[in-house]
Amino acid sequence: MKLKPLCDRVVIKQLEAEETTKSGIVLPGTAQEKPQQAEVVSVGPGGVVDGKEIKMEVKPGDKVIYSKYAGTEVKLGEDEFIIVRQSDILACVE
């Protein structure tokens, strides 16, 4: 099964959380904060949203930082994805 986003939506897959701190302390799963970094899996076509032309700025494979409470979480099989609007993506990581 494959997710194909519509309009200005982007499907992202969250990157794994750090399990140890810089000082070497191992964090249990409950103490780990959800990372806000993800990899773009697929991108919608863009188009006109609310009367404005939307040009897609990201592409599959990009690493991005997104808003903390943005998007809709979706589980397909064993994989978990988040569907966000392009405007919820704050930056690309190079």
Protein backbone atom coordinates (compact mmCIF):
# COMPACT_ATOMS: atom_id res chain seq x y z
CA MET A 1 0.00 0.00 0.00
CA LYS A 2 1.28 3.47 -0.87
CA LEU A 3 0.20 6.90 0.38
CA LYS A 4 -0.31 9.58 -2.27
CA PRO A 5 -0.99 12.97 -0.67
CA LEU A 6 -3.36 15.51 -2.21
CA CYS A 7 -2.96 19.29 -2.73
CA ASP A 8 -0.28 20.77 -0.46
CA ARG A 9 0.07 17.71 1.79
CA VAL A 10 3.37 15.93 2.48
CA VAL A 11 3.83 12.41 3.89
CA ILE A 12 6.77 12.21 6.28
CA LYS A 13 8.34 9.45 8.36
CA GLN A 14 9.66 10.45 11.75
CA LEU A 15 13.35 9.81 12.41
CA GLU A 16 14.33 7.69 15.41
CA ALA A 17 14.69 9.41 18.78
CA GLU A 18 18.06 9.64 20.49
CA GLU A 19 18.38 6.90 23.12
CA THR A 20 21.36 8.41 24.95
CA THR A 21 22.22 11.94 25.98
CA LYS A 22 25.49 13.63 25.00
CA SER A 23 26.88 12.72 28.42
CA GLY A 24 26.08 9.01 27.84
CA ILE A 25 22.94 8.62 29.97
CA VAL A 26 20.58 6.03 28.46
CA LEU A 27 16.97 7.29 28.30
CA PRO A 28 14.04 4.88 28.70
CA GLY A 29 11.33 5.03 26.02
CA THR A 30 8.95 6.98 28.26
CA ALA A 31 11.50 9.76 28.88
CA GLN A 32 12.38 10.29 25.23
CA GLU A 33 10.90 13.33 23.55
CA LYS A 34 9.41 12.80 20.10
CA PRO A 35 11.84 14.11 17.51
CA GLN A 36 10.62 16.87 15.22
CA GLN A 37 12.88 15.71 12.43
CA ALA A 38 11.54 13.53 9.63
CA GLU A 39 12.21 12.30 6.12
CA VAL A 40 9.85 13.19 3.29
CA VAL A 41 8.28 10.05 1.79
CA SER A 42 5.95 11.57 -0.81
CA VAL A 43 4.68 15.00 -1.85
CA GLY A 44 1.33 16.18 -3.20
CA PRO A 45 1.03 18.03 -6.51
CA GLY A 46 0.47 21.50 -5.02
CA GLY A 47 -2.10 23.59 -6.85
CA VAL A 48 -4.50 26.26 -5.63
CA VAL A 49 -5.34 26.21 -1.90
CA ASP A 50 -7.58 28.94 -0.44
CA GLY A 51 -7.19 30.97 -3.62
CA LYS A 52 -3.38 30.94 -3.52
CA GLU A 53 -1.05 29.07 -5.88
CA ILE A 54 1.02 26.56 -3.87
CA LYS A 55 4.38 25.43 -5.28
CA MET A 56 5.84 22.40 -3.53
CA GLU A 57 9.25 23.21 -2.04
CA VAL A 58 10.19 19.75 -0.71
CA LYS A 59 10.81 16.46 -2.49
CA PRO A 60 10.99 12.81 -1.41
CA GLY A 61 14.19 12.06 0.48
CA ASP A 62 14.52 15.53 2.04
CA LYS A 63 15.14 15.69 5.78
CA VAL A 64 12.88 18.29 7.40
CA ILE A 65 11.91 19.81 10.74
CA TYR A 66 8.17 20.16 11.29
CA SER A 67 5.86 21.80 13.85
CA LYS A 68 5.55 19.86 17.09
CA TYR A 69 1.79 19.26 17.05
CA ALA A 70 1.25 19.27 13.28
CA GLY A 71 -0.25 16.59 11.10
CA THR A 72 -2.21 13.40 11.25
CA GLU A 73 -0.53 10.16 12.27
CA VAL A 74 -1.27 7.17 10.03
CA LYS A 75 -0.17 3.54 10.44
CA LEU A 76 0.14 1.32 7.37
CA GLY A 77 1.27 -2.19 8.22
CA GLU A 78 4.31 -1.86 10.48
CA ASP A 79 5.19 1.67 9.31
CA GLU A 80 3.97 4.90 10.90
CA PHE A 81 3.69 8.09 8.86
CA ILE A 82 2.58 11.67 9.49
CA ILE A 83 0.64 13.66 6.89
CA VAL A 84 1.27 17.41 7.22
CA ARG A 85 0.60 20.52 5.18
CA GLN A 86 3.67 21.98 3.52
CA SER A 87 3.19 25.10 5.68
CA ASP A 88 3.76 22.93 8.81
CA ILE A 89 7.29 22.15 7.61
CA LEU A 90 9.61 24.68 9.21
CA ALA A 91 12.97 23.92 7.58
CA CYS A 92 14.99 21.50 5.44
CA VAL A 93 18.07 19.94 7.05
CA GLU A 94 21.11 19.83 4.77
